[in-house]
Amino acid sequence: MKKIAAILAFSALTLSLSGCALLYPNWGTTQSPGTSESANPSSSASASESPTATAPAKGKASVQIDQANVDATAGVIDVVAQVTNFNEDGGQCTLIIQAGTQTKKISVKAESNVTSTQCYPMELSLSGLPKGTALVTVSYDSAAHAGTSAGQSVVIP
């Protein structure tokens, strides 16, 4: 009786695990269901073709500075910026401050928002920058897009 119960348990286990192959037909493979290689020889590359070494041109990023505030008490400038014409992850925003002959910069990550790409908030120390008017710009760069904002003036007290 114990042998029959063990055989039935083993059979049930085997059947339940084989059912996983029906639910997950690509289990353990690296190929996605939507990417299959074509068996059509006319669509495959011929031996005489060589790949090109040029990278595709990047799309234009429309970078906008939403806010640039100088906090004299803390000795920093805070900048909030976004890319308004697309949304994507993986890009980088760079804040550049030019005051007199001095230039300072900091780079932060950018992330996708609902309709735009948001730069992480940027904060840069004012130390080493001369007092007076400074020009703030933000540039964006990713694998697919690049662009720079219009300059915005701020006053360093």
Protein backbone atom coordinates (compact mmCIF):
# COMPACT_ATOMS: atom_id res chain seq x y z
CA MET A 1 0.00 0.00 0.00
CA LYS A 2 2.88 2.38 0.81
CA LYS A 3 4.48 1.64 -2.56
CA ILE A 4 1.28 2.52 -4.41
CA ALA A 5 0.95 5.80 -2.46
CA ALA A 6 4.59 6.65 -3.19
CA ILE A 7 4.13 5.90 -6.91
CA LEU A 8 0.97 8.02 -7.05
CA ALA A 9 2.71 10.92 -5.22
CA PHE A 10 5.70 10.72 -7.57
CA SER A 11 3.39 10.63 -10.62
CA ALA A 12 1.41 13.64 -9.38
CA LEU A 13 4.62 15.57 -8.75
CA THR A 14 5.97 14.72 -12.21
CA LEU A 15 2.74 15.78 -13.91
CA SER A 16 2.53 19.04 -11.97
CA LEU A 17 6.12 19.98 -12.79
CA SER A 18 5.70 19.12 -16.47
CA GLY A 19 2.73 21.49 -16.51
CA CYS A 20 5.18 24.34 -15.82
CA ALA A 21 6.65 23.78 -19.27
CA LEU A 22 3.22 24.48 -20.72
CA LEU A 23 2.88 27.70 -18.74
CA TYR A 24 6.49 28.83 -19.27
CA PRO A 25 7.55 27.49 -22.68
CA ASN A 26 10.74 29.59 -22.76
CA TRP A 27 11.85 28.68 -19.25
CA GLY A 28 15.63 28.80 -19.04
CA THR A 29 16.14 30.38 -22.47
CA THR A 30 17.49 33.84 -23.16
CA GLN A 31 15.30 34.44 -26.18
CA SER A 32 12.26 36.64 -25.70
CA PRO A 33 8.97 35.44 -27.16
CA GLY A 34 8.80 38.43 -29.53
CA THR A 35 12.36 38.08 -30.87
CA SER A 36 12.79 35.06 -33.06
CA GLU A 37 15.39 34.58 -35.73
CA SER A 38 14.04 34.41 -39.24
CA ALA A 39 14.51 31.24 -41.26
CA ASN A 40 14.15 33.30 -44.44
CA PRO A 41 17.60 33.44 -46.07
CA SER A 42 16.79 36.68 -47.92
CA SER A 43 16.47 38.58 -44.63
CA SER A 44 19.80 37.46 -43.21
CA ALA A 45 22.99 39.41 -43.83
CA SER A 46 25.29 38.14 -46.55
CA ALA A 47 28.95 37.41 -45.95
CA SER A 48 30.02 40.35 -48.12
CA GLU A 49 28.19 42.94 -45.98
CA SER A 50 30.19 44.57 -43.23
CA PRO A 51 28.73 46.33 -40.18
CA THR A 52 29.15 50.08 -40.05
CA ALA A 53 31.09 51.65 -37.20
CA THR A 54 29.10 54.87 -37.07
CA ALA A 55 26.77 55.40 -34.13
CA PRO A 56 23.23 56.57 -34.84
CA ALA A 57 22.64 60.29 -34.39
CA LYS A 58 21.16 61.32 -31.05
CA GLY A 59 17.78 62.98 -30.88
CA LYS A 60 17.46 66.53 -29.58
CA ALA A 61 16.62 66.91 -25.90
CA SER A 62 14.66 70.06 -24.96
CA VAL A 63 16.10 70.85 -21.54
CA GLN A 64 14.25 73.35 -19.34
CA ILE A 65 15.39 74.87 -16.04
CA ASP A 66 12.33 74.99 -13.80
CA GLN A 67 13.96 76.60 -10.79
CA ALA A 68 17.39 78.05 -9.91
CA ASN A 69 17.67 79.43 -6.37
CA VAL A 70 20.74 80.81 -4.61
CA ASP A 71 20.72 80.10 -0.86
CA ALA A 72 23.34 82.49 0.51
CA THR A 73 22.86 81.23 4.09
CA ALA A 74 23.64 77.64 3.11
CA GLY A 75 26.17 78.75 0.45
CA VAL A 76 24.60 76.67 -2.32
CA ILE A 77 22.61 76.97 -5.50
CA ASP A 78 19.66 74.60 -5.99
CA VAL A 79 18.51 73.80 -9.52
CA VAL A 80 15.53 71.77 -10.74
CA ALA A 81 15.39 70.87 -14.44
CA GLN A 82 13.62 68.53 -16.84
CA VAL A 83 13.64 67.33 -20.44
CA THR A 84 10.23 68.19 -21.85
CA ASN A 85 10.01 66.38 -25.19
CA PHE A 86 10.30 62.69 -24.14
CA ASN A 87 10.53 60.42 -21.13
CA GLU A 88 13.30 57.86 -20.59
CA ASP A 89 15.51 56.37 -17.91
CA GLY A 90 19.28 56.13 -17.97
CA GLY A 91 20.22 59.68 -18.88
CA GLN A 92 22.39 62.15 -17.01
CA CYS A 93 21.91 65.85 -16.28
CA THR A 94 24.87 68.18 -15.76
CA LEU A 95 24.55 71.54 -14.03
CA ILE A 96 27.14 74.12 -15.14
CA ILE A 97 27.62 77.45 -13.34
CA GLN A 98 29.85 80.09 -14.91
CA ALA A 99 30.70 83.10 -12.75
CA GLY A 100 33.46 85.39 -13.98
CA THR A 101 36.34 83.14 -15.03
CA GLN A 102 35.23 80.31 -12.71
CA THR A 103 33.19 77.30 -13.83
CA LYS A 104 31.72 74.59 -11.59
CA LYS A 105 29.69 71.56 -12.59
CA ILE A 106 27.92 68.58 -11.10
CA SER A 107 26.20 65.61 -12.78
CA VAL A 108 23.15 63.71 -11.53
CA LYS A 109 20.91 60.94 -12.79
CA ALA A 110 17.70 61.52 -14.70
CA GLU A 111 14.59 59.37 -14.62
CA SER A 112 11.40 58.94 -16.57
CA ASN A 113 8.33 60.82 -15.44
CA VAL A 114 4.83 60.58 -16.91
CA THR A 115 5.45 62.91 -19.86
CA SER A 116 9.00 64.16 -19.29
CA THR A 117 12.43 63.16 -18.05
CA GLN A 118 13.20 64.64 -14.62
CA CYS A 119 16.73 65.49 -13.51
CA TYR A 120 17.42 64.64 -9.90
CA PRO A 121 17.60 67.87 -7.83
CA MET A 122 21.01 69.49 -8.23
CA GLU A 123 22.86 71.40 -5.51
CA LEU A 124 26.26 72.98 -5.95
CA SER A 125 28.41 74.90 -3.46
CA LEU A 126 29.02 78.57 -4.15
CA SER A 127 32.48 78.47 -2.61
CA GLY A 128 35.15 79.61 -5.03
CA LEU A 129 32.69 81.52 -7.21
CA PRO A 130 32.97 85.32 -7.34
CA LYS A 131 30.09 87.53 -6.25
CA GLY A 132 27.88 88.94 -8.98
CA THR A 133 25.90 87.53 -11.87
CA ALA A 134 26.43 83.91 -12.85
CA LEU A 135 25.08 81.90 -15.78
CA VAL A 136 23.39 78.57 -15.06
CA THR A 137 22.86 75.91 -17.78
CA VAL A 138 21.79 72.29 -17.62
CA SER A 139 22.74 69.72 -20.23
CA TYR A 140 21.24 66.27 -20.75
CA ASP A 141 22.92 63.24 -22.28
CA SER A 142 21.81 59.64 -22.81
CA ALA A 143 22.41 56.90 -25.33
CA ALA A 144 19.59 58.26 -27.51
CA HIS A 145 19.30 62.01 -26.76
CA ALA A 146 21.39 65.10 -25.96
CA GLY A 147 20.71 68.79 -25.43
CA THR A 148 21.43 71.90 -23.37
CA SER A 149 19.05 74.39 -21.77
CA ALA A 150 19.01 78.11 -22.38
CA GLY A 151 21.16 79.97 -19.87
CA GLN A 152 19.56 81.47 -16.79
CA SER A 153 21.14 84.29 -14.78
CA VAL A 154 21.41 84.14 -11.00
CA VAL A 155 23.01 86.59 -8.56
CA ILE A 156 25.65 85.31 -6.14
CA PRO A 157 25.69 87.59 -3.08
